Amino acid sequence: DLGVSYMDHLDTERFDSIVGLNLTASSVTVNVADPVNGVTNSQQFNLTSDSGISDLFSYLYEPIVLDGEFTADIPVALSTSSTVTVSFKASTAGVGGLVFGLAKELGVTEWGAKVGVVDYGVKTKDTFGNYTVQQRAFSKRADFTIQVPTEQVDFIQSLLTQYRSVPVVYIGSNTGKTQFKSTIIYGFYKDFSIDIAYNAYSVCSMQIEGLT
């Protein structure tokens, strides 16, 4: 089980989560402080990926690859004078985006989730079969199948309907060693459907189109 949630950014008054997108840094530190007690919560995230390291040789000789995303849970009981500071460790840091919002859990993502990208590059072939390739931007995409409690089907149907054509952060995997950063997508759903399959749980299918 992977676990799925999304982050609502419509309510700008309150937030309990931060997501960093398309980052260039070796690590990120998130500190929560107030004027009386100082730093009350501190979290550090290592953005150096080890997913391609399988042995000592690859550890020593493979180039360093950065994850580019992080998710942080923030204490909800913040005072109005609290300060949240996000710091990056890098010679030259790059930040694609920081999204603050309220996280809501939809259900449990089933294994078999599909992730990929949409490439907007141009490949032109002349009459002799020679290609001219122009690299352009790309966006992430994903297909999730989610187990949701059957008793919450009406709630989830209504909730997702509210967020049609609204960009939010979708997180397909957010727990432990099974966290896949490739399932963190800032975008919108193209389509969703709920199969009221069993008494205990139902199955929701979603197609997510990323904006980054």
C-alpha atoms as a PDB file:
ATOM      1  CA  ASP A   1       0.000   0.000   0.000  1.00  0.00           C
ATOM      2  CA  LEU A   2       1.370   3.408  -0.960  1.00  0.00           C
ATOM      3  CA  GLY A   3      -1.053   5.900   0.551  1.00  0.00           C
ATOM      4  CA  VAL A   4      -2.455   8.898  -1.292  1.00  0.00           C
ATOM      5  CA  SER A   5      -3.347  12.415  -0.278  1.00  0.00           C
ATOM      6  CA  TYR A   6      -3.592  15.849  -1.830  1.00  0.00           C
ATOM      7  CA  MET A   7      -2.957  19.324  -0.537  1.00  0.00           C
ATOM      8  CA  ASP A   8      -5.577  22.054  -0.656  1.00  0.00           C
ATOM      9  CA  HIS A   9      -4.125  25.520  -1.328  1.00  0.00           C
ATOM     10  CA  LEU A  10      -7.420  27.393  -1.485  1.00  0.00           C
ATOM     11  CA  ASP A  11      -7.450  28.273   2.209  1.00  0.00           C
ATOM     12  CA  THR A  12      -4.557  30.713   2.534  1.00  0.00           C
ATOM     13  CA  GLU A  13      -5.364  31.489   6.171  1.00  0.00           C
ATOM     14  CA  ARG A  14      -4.250  28.109   7.522  1.00  0.00           C
ATOM     15  CA  PHE A  15      -1.849  25.370   6.483  1.00  0.00           C
ATOM     16  CA  ASP A  16      -0.446  22.167   7.950  1.00  0.00           C
ATOM     17  CA  SER A  17       1.814  21.060   5.102  1.00  0.00           C
ATOM     18  CA  ILE A  18       4.527  22.375   2.794  1.00  0.00           C
ATOM     19  CA  VAL A  19       5.601  20.823  -0.493  1.00  0.00           C
ATOM     20  CA  GLY A  20       8.739  21.858  -2.365  1.00  0.00           C
ATOM     21  CA  LEU A  21       8.767  21.358  -6.141  1.00  0.00           C
ATOM     22  CA  ASN A  22      11.591  21.214  -8.697  1.00  0.00           C
ATOM     23  CA  LEU A  23      14.298  22.093  -6.182  1.00  0.00           C
ATOM     24  CA  THR A  24      18.028  22.306  -6.741  1.00  0.00           C
ATOM     25  CA  ALA A  25      19.661  21.807  -3.341  1.00  0.00           C
ATOM     26  CA  SER A  26      21.355  19.060  -1.367  1.00  0.00           C
ATOM     27  CA  SER A  27      19.087  19.501   1.659  1.00  0.00           C
ATOM     28  CA  VAL A  28      16.193  21.568   3.021  1.00  0.00           C
ATOM     29  CA  THR A  29      15.506  22.651   6.605  1.00  0.00           C
ATOM     30  CA  VAL A  30      12.060  23.765   7.766  1.00  0.00           C
ATOM     31  CA  ASN A  31      11.925  25.616  11.110  1.00  0.00           C
ATOM     32  CA  VAL A  32       8.817  26.740  12.983  1.00  0.00           C
ATOM     33  CA  ALA A  33       9.451  29.442  15.615  1.00  0.00           C
ATOM     34  CA  ASP A  34       7.532  31.841  17.813  1.00  0.00           C
ATOM     35  CA  PRO A  35       8.781  34.945  19.668  1.00  0.00           C
ATOM     36  CA  VAL A  36       8.457  33.347  23.123  1.00  0.00           C
ATOM     37  CA  ASN A  37       9.827  29.806  22.741  1.00  0.00           C
ATOM     38  CA  GLY A  38      12.072  30.196  19.714  1.00  0.00           C
ATOM     39  CA  VAL A  39      12.266  27.202  17.362  1.00  0.00           C
ATOM     40  CA  THR A  40       9.519  24.779  18.355  1.00  0.00           C
ATOM     41  CA  ASN A  41       9.737  22.409  15.391  1.00  0.00           C
ATOM     42  CA  SER A  42      12.616  21.664  13.035  1.00  0.00           C
ATOM     43  CA  GLN A  43      12.739  19.207  10.145  1.00  0.00           C
ATOM     44  CA  GLN A  44      15.561  18.471   7.720  1.00  0.00           C
ATOM     45  CA  PHE A  45      15.198  16.735   4.355  1.00  0.00           C
ATOM     46  CA  ASN A  46      18.052  15.215   2.386  1.00  0.00           C
ATOM     47  CA  LEU A  47      17.427  15.762  -1.326  1.00  0.00           C
ATOM     48  CA  THR A  48      20.283  13.558  -2.531  1.00  0.00           C
ATOM     49  CA  SER A  49      18.701  10.530  -4.176  1.00  0.00           C
ATOM     50  CA  ASP A  50      20.033   7.024  -3.530  1.00  0.00           C
ATOM     51  CA  SER A  51      17.462   5.204  -5.665  1.00  0.00           C
ATOM     52  CA  GLY A  52      20.068   4.436  -8.359  1.00  0.00           C
ATOM     53  CA  ILE A  53      22.739   3.227  -5.910  1.00  0.00           C
ATOM     54  CA  SER A  54      22.849  -0.579  -5.810  1.00  0.00           C
ATOM     55  CA  ASP A  55      26.464  -1.346  -4.869  1.00  0.00           C
ATOM     56  CA  LEU A  56      29.756   0.231  -3.768  1.00  0.00           C
ATOM     57  CA  PHE A  57      30.860   0.932  -7.348  1.00  0.00           C
ATOM     58  CA  SER A  58      27.738   2.953  -8.145  1.00  0.00           C
ATOM     59  CA  TYR A  59      28.031   4.739  -4.783  1.00  0.00           C
ATOM     60  CA  LEU A  60      31.566   5.878  -5.640  1.00  0.00           C
ATOM     61  CA  TYR A  61      31.243   6.633  -9.343  1.00  0.00           C
ATOM     62  CA  GLU A  62      27.655   7.421 -10.230  1.00  0.00           C
ATOM     63  CA  PRO A  63      26.887  11.167 -10.538  1.00  0.00           C
ATOM     64  CA  ILE A  64      24.933  12.780  -7.711  1.00  0.00           C
ATOM     65  CA  VAL A  65      21.202  12.965  -8.470  1.00  0.00           C
ATOM     66  CA  LEU A  66      18.814  15.248  -6.558  1.00  0.00           C
ATOM     67  CA  ASP A  67      15.230  14.314  -5.720  1.00  0.00           C
ATOM     68  CA  GLY A  68      13.839  17.801  -6.296  1.00  0.00           C
ATOM     69  CA  GLU A  69      10.784  17.473  -4.020  1.00  0.00           C
ATOM     70  CA  PHE A  70       9.981  17.277  -0.319  1.00  0.00           C
ATOM     71  CA  THR A  71       6.878  17.196   1.863  1.00  0.00           C
ATOM     72  CA  ALA A  72       6.782  18.577   5.410  1.00  0.00           C
ATOM     73  CA  ASP A  73       4.072  18.322   8.071  1.00  0.00           C
ATOM     74  CA  ILE A  74       3.650  21.528  10.073  1.00  0.00           C
ATOM     75  CA  PRO A  75       2.037  21.724  13.550  1.00  0.00           C
ATOM     76  CA  VAL A  76      -1.471  23.101  13.077  1.00  0.00           C
ATOM     77  CA  ALA A  77      -1.533  24.946  16.414  1.00  0.00           C
ATOM     78  CA  LEU A  78       0.515  27.901  15.201  1.00  0.00           C
ATOM     79  CA  SER A  79       0.091  31.292  16.797  1.00  0.00           C
ATOM     80  CA  THR A  80      -0.470  34.332  14.604  1.00  0.00           C
ATOM     81  CA  SER A  81       3.079  35.449  15.384  1.00  0.00           C
ATOM     82  CA  SER A  82       4.721  32.152  14.442  1.00  0.00           C
ATOM     83  CA  THR A  83       7.307  32.137  11.664  1.00  0.00           C
ATOM     84  CA  VAL A  84       8.014  29.300   9.235  1.00  0.00           C
ATOM     85  CA  THR A  85      11.457  29.430   7.603  1.00  0.00           C
ATOM     86  CA  VAL A  86      12.500  27.200   4.700  1.00  0.00           C
ATOM     87  CA  SER A  87      16.285  27.103   4.168  1.00  0.00           C
ATOM     88  CA  PHE A  88      18.190  25.464   1.315  1.00  0.00           C
ATOM     89  CA  LYS A  89      21.734  24.089   1.357  1.00  0.00           C
ATOM     90  CA  ALA A  90      23.337  24.590  -2.045  1.00  0.00           C
ATOM     91  CA  SER A  91      26.016  26.607  -3.793  1.00  0.00           C
ATOM     92  CA  THR A  92      23.235  28.069  -5.936  1.00  0.00           C
ATOM     93  CA  ALA A  93      19.745  27.007  -4.871  1.00  0.00           C
ATOM     94  CA  GLY A  94      16.906  26.648  -7.354  1.00  0.00           C
ATOM     95  CA  VAL A  95      13.265  26.629  -6.290  1.00  0.00           C
ATOM     96  CA  GLY A  96      10.518  25.727  -8.731  1.00  0.00           C
ATOM     97  CA  GLY A  97       7.806  26.317  -6.154  1.00  0.00           C
ATOM     98  CA  LEU A  98       6.748  26.088  -2.508  1.00  0.00           C
ATOM     99  CA  VAL A  99       3.101  25.199  -1.904  1.00  0.00           C
ATOM    100  CA  PHE A 100       1.507  25.785   1.518  1.00  0.00           C
ATOM    101  CA  GLY A 101      -1.851  24.194   2.260  1.00  0.00           C
ATOM    102  CA  LEU A 102      -4.070  21.820   4.183  1.00  0.00           C
ATOM    103  CA  ALA A 103      -3.495  18.100   3.537  1.00  0.00           C
ATOM    104  CA  LYS A 104      -6.427  15.732   3.154  1.00  0.00           C
ATOM    105  CA  GLU A 105      -6.136  11.959   2.838  1.00  0.00           C
ATOM    106  CA  LEU A 106      -8.297  10.339   0.182  1.00  0.00           C
ATOM    107  CA  GLY A 107      -7.386   6.687   0.707  1.00  0.00           C
ATOM    108  CA  VAL A 108      -4.730   4.048   0.005  1.00  0.00           C
ATOM    109  CA  THR A 109      -3.024   3.903  -3.381  1.00  0.00           C
ATOM    110  CA  GLU A 110      -2.858   0.411  -4.813  1.00  0.00           C
ATOM    111  CA  TRP A 111       0.377  -0.999  -6.209  1.00  0.00           C
ATOM    112  CA  GLY A 112       0.413  -0.607  -9.969  1.00  0.00           C
ATOM    113  CA  ALA A 113       0.338   3.190  -9.961  1.00  0.00           C
ATOM    114  CA  LYS A 114       1.694   4.633 -13.211  1.00  0.00           C
ATOM    115  CA  VAL A 115       3.947   7.696 -13.392  1.00  0.00           C
ATOM    116  CA  GLY A 116       5.589   9.424 -16.340  1.00  0.00           C
ATOM    117  CA  VAL A 117       6.055  12.723 -18.140  1.00  0.00           C
ATOM    118  CA  VAL A 118       4.542  14.563 -21.084  1.00  0.00           C
ATOM    119  CA  ASP A 119       7.360  15.888 -23.296  1.00  0.00           C
ATOM    120  CA  TYR A 120       6.759  19.183 -25.106  1.00  0.00           C
ATOM    121  CA  GLY A 121       9.960  18.990 -27.136  1.00  0.00           C
ATOM    122  CA  VAL A 122       9.835  19.214 -30.921  1.00  0.00           C
ATOM    123  CA  LYS A 123      11.304  16.518 -33.168  1.00  0.00           C
ATOM    124  CA  THR A 124      11.312  17.448 -36.850  1.00  0.00           C
ATOM    125  CA  LYS A 125      12.339  15.027 -39.625  1.00  0.00           C
ATOM    126  CA  ASP A 126      13.390  16.266 -43.066  1.00  0.00           C
ATOM    127  CA  THR A 127      12.900  14.458 -46.379  1.00  0.00           C
ATOM    128  CA  PHE A 128      16.194  12.583 -45.925  1.00  0.00           C
ATOM    129  CA  GLY A 129      15.212  11.191 -42.526  1.00  0.00           C
ATOM    130  CA  ASN A 130      17.456  13.508 -40.513  1.00  0.00           C
ATOM    131  CA  TYR A 131      15.997  14.720 -37.216  1.00  0.00           C
ATOM    132  CA  THR A 132      16.244  18.150 -35.647  1.00  0.00           C
ATOM    133  CA  VAL A 133      15.471  17.921 -31.935  1.00  0.00           C
ATOM    134  CA  GLN A 134      14.505  20.970 -29.874  1.00  0.00           C
ATOM    135  CA  GLN A 135      14.293  20.278 -26.160  1.00  0.00           C
ATOM    136  CA  ARG A 136      11.470  22.051 -24.346  1.00  0.00           C
ATOM    137  CA  ALA A 137       9.637  21.780 -21.058  1.00  0.00           C
ATOM    138  CA  PHE A 138       7.857  18.697 -19.746  1.00  0.00           C
ATOM    139  CA  SER A 139       5.191  17.983 -17.144  1.00  0.00           C
ATOM    140  CA  LYS A 140       4.607  15.036 -14.847  1.00  0.00           C
ATOM    141  CA  ARG A 141       1.581  12.762 -15.086  1.00  0.00           C
ATOM    142  CA  ALA A 142       0.224   9.805 -13.121  1.00  0.00           C
ATOM    143  CA  ASP A 143      -2.584   7.246 -12.982  1.00  0.00           C
ATOM    144  CA  PHE A 144      -3.655   6.199  -9.470  1.00  0.00           C
ATOM    145  CA  THR A 145      -6.040   3.502  -8.308  1.00  0.00           C
ATOM    146  CA  ILE A 146      -7.097   4.300  -4.737  1.00  0.00           C
ATOM    147  CA  GLN A 147      -8.951   2.253  -2.152  1.00  0.00           C
ATOM    148  CA  VAL A 148     -11.398   4.542  -0.342  1.00  0.00           C
ATOM    149  CA  PRO A 149     -13.821   3.681   2.476  1.00  0.00           C
ATOM    150  CA  THR A 150     -17.226   2.948   0.951  1.00  0.00           C
ATOM    151  CA  GLU A 151     -18.903   5.035   3.644  1.00  0.00           C
ATOM    152  CA  GLN A 152     -16.972   8.089   2.326  1.00  0.00           C
ATOM    153  CA  VAL A 153     -17.816   7.683  -1.368  1.00  0.00           C
ATOM    154  CA  ASP A 154     -20.325  10.567  -1.409  1.00  0.00           C
ATOM    155  CA  PHE A 155     -17.900  12.820   0.481  1.00  0.00           C
ATOM    156  CA  ILE A 156     -14.985  12.067  -1.879  1.00  0.00           C
ATOM    157  CA  GLN A 157     -17.189  12.505  -4.953  1.00  0.00           C
ATOM    158  CA  SER A 158     -18.307  15.925  -3.695  1.00  0.00           C
ATOM    159  CA  LEU A 159     -14.790  16.903  -2.600  1.00  0.00           C
ATOM    160  CA  LEU A 160     -13.127  16.096  -5.908  1.00  0.00           C
ATOM    161  CA  THR A 161     -15.929  17.808  -7.811  1.00  0.00           C
ATOM    162  CA  GLN A 162     -15.060  21.037  -5.973  1.00  0.00           C
ATOM    163  CA  TYR A 163     -11.472  20.779  -7.223  1.00  0.00           C
ATOM    164  CA  ARG A 164     -12.205  20.317 -10.908  1.00  0.00           C
ATOM    165  CA  SER A 165      -9.741  22.414 -12.935  1.00  0.00           C
ATOM    166  CA  VAL A 166      -8.103  23.580  -9.692  1.00  0.00           C
ATOM    167  CA  PRO A 167      -4.319  23.050  -9.376  1.00  0.00           C
ATOM    168  CA  VAL A 168      -3.371  21.277  -6.131  1.00  0.00           C
ATOM    169  CA  VAL A 169      -0.545  18.991  -5.032  1.00  0.00           C
ATOM    170  CA  TYR A 170      -1.333  15.288  -5.356  1.00  0.00           C
ATOM    171  CA  ILE A 171       0.872  12.896  -3.376  1.00  0.00           C
ATOM    172  CA  GLY A 172       0.526   9.293  -4.444  1.00  0.00           C
ATOM    173  CA  SER A 173       3.007   7.884  -1.918  1.00  0.00           C
ATOM    174  CA  ASN A 174       3.830   9.595   1.355  1.00  0.00           C
ATOM    175  CA  THR A 175       4.899   7.006   3.914  1.00  0.00           C
ATOM    176  CA  GLY A 176       8.163   5.394   4.965  1.00  0.00           C
ATOM    177  CA  LYS A 177      10.450   3.509   2.602  1.00  0.00           C
ATOM    178  CA  THR A 178       7.712   3.275  -0.025  1.00  0.00           C
ATOM    179  CA  GLN A 179       7.671   7.023  -0.613  1.00  0.00           C
ATOM    180  CA  PHE A 180       8.150   7.709  -4.307  1.00  0.00           C
ATOM    181  CA  LYS A 181       8.929  11.348  -5.080  1.00  0.00           C
ATOM    182  CA  SER A 182       7.776  10.733  -8.658  1.00  0.00           C
ATOM    183  CA  THR A 183       4.195  10.556  -7.346  1.00  0.00           C
ATOM    184  CA  ILE A 184       4.295  14.153  -6.057  1.00  0.00           C
ATOM    185  CA  ILE A 185       2.521  16.156  -8.750  1.00  0.00           C
ATOM    186  CA  TYR A 186       1.299  19.748  -8.772  1.00  0.00           C
ATOM    187  CA  GLY A 187      -1.551  19.874 -11.230  1.00  0.00           C
ATOM    188  CA  PHE A 188      -5.150  18.811 -11.755  1.00  0.00           C
ATOM    189  CA  TYR A 189      -7.062  15.624 -12.409  1.00  0.00           C
ATOM    190  CA  LYS A 190      -8.197  15.011 -15.966  1.00  0.00           C
ATOM    191  CA  ASP A 191     -10.691  12.364 -14.950  1.00  0.00           C
ATOM    192  CA  PHE A 192     -11.797  10.359 -11.938  1.00  0.00           C
ATOM    193  CA  SER A 193     -14.355   7.632 -11.310  1.00  0.00           C
ATOM    194  CA  ILE A 194     -15.395   5.668  -8.230  1.00  0.00           C
ATOM    195  CA  ASP A 195     -16.347   1.995  -8.433  1.00  0.00           C
ATOM    196  CA  ILE A 196     -18.540   1.156  -5.415  1.00  0.00           C
ATOM    197  CA  ALA A 197     -17.068  -2.314  -5.336  1.00  0.00           C
ATOM    198  CA  TYR A 198     -17.288  -3.755  -1.819  1.00  0.00           C
ATOM    199  CA  ASN A 199     -19.018  -3.144   1.477  1.00  0.00           C
ATOM    200  CA  ALA A 200     -15.797  -2.100   3.228  1.00  0.00           C
ATOM    201  CA  TYR A 201     -14.026  -0.154   0.486  1.00  0.00           C
ATOM    202  CA  SER A 202     -14.533   1.195  -3.012  1.00  0.00           C
ATOM    203  CA  VAL A 203     -12.060   1.883  -5.808  1.00  0.00           C
ATOM    204  CA  CYS A 204     -11.331   5.366  -7.156  1.00  0.00           C
ATOM    205  CA  SER A 205      -9.362   5.782 -10.402  1.00  0.00           C
ATOM    206  CA  MET A 206      -7.677   9.129 -11.142  1.00  0.00           C
ATOM    207  CA  GLN A 207      -5.662  10.557 -14.003  1.00  0.00           C
ATOM    208  CA  ILE A 208      -3.410  13.412 -12.858  1.00  0.00           C
ATOM    209  CA  GLU A 209      -1.913  15.952 -15.278  1.00  0.00           C
ATOM    210  CA  GLY A 210       0.980  17.992 -13.905  1.00  0.00           C
ATOM    211  CA  LEU A 211       1.682  21.672 -14.482  1.00  0.00           C
ATOM    212  CA  THR A 212       5.401  21.280 -13.775  1.00  0.00           C
END
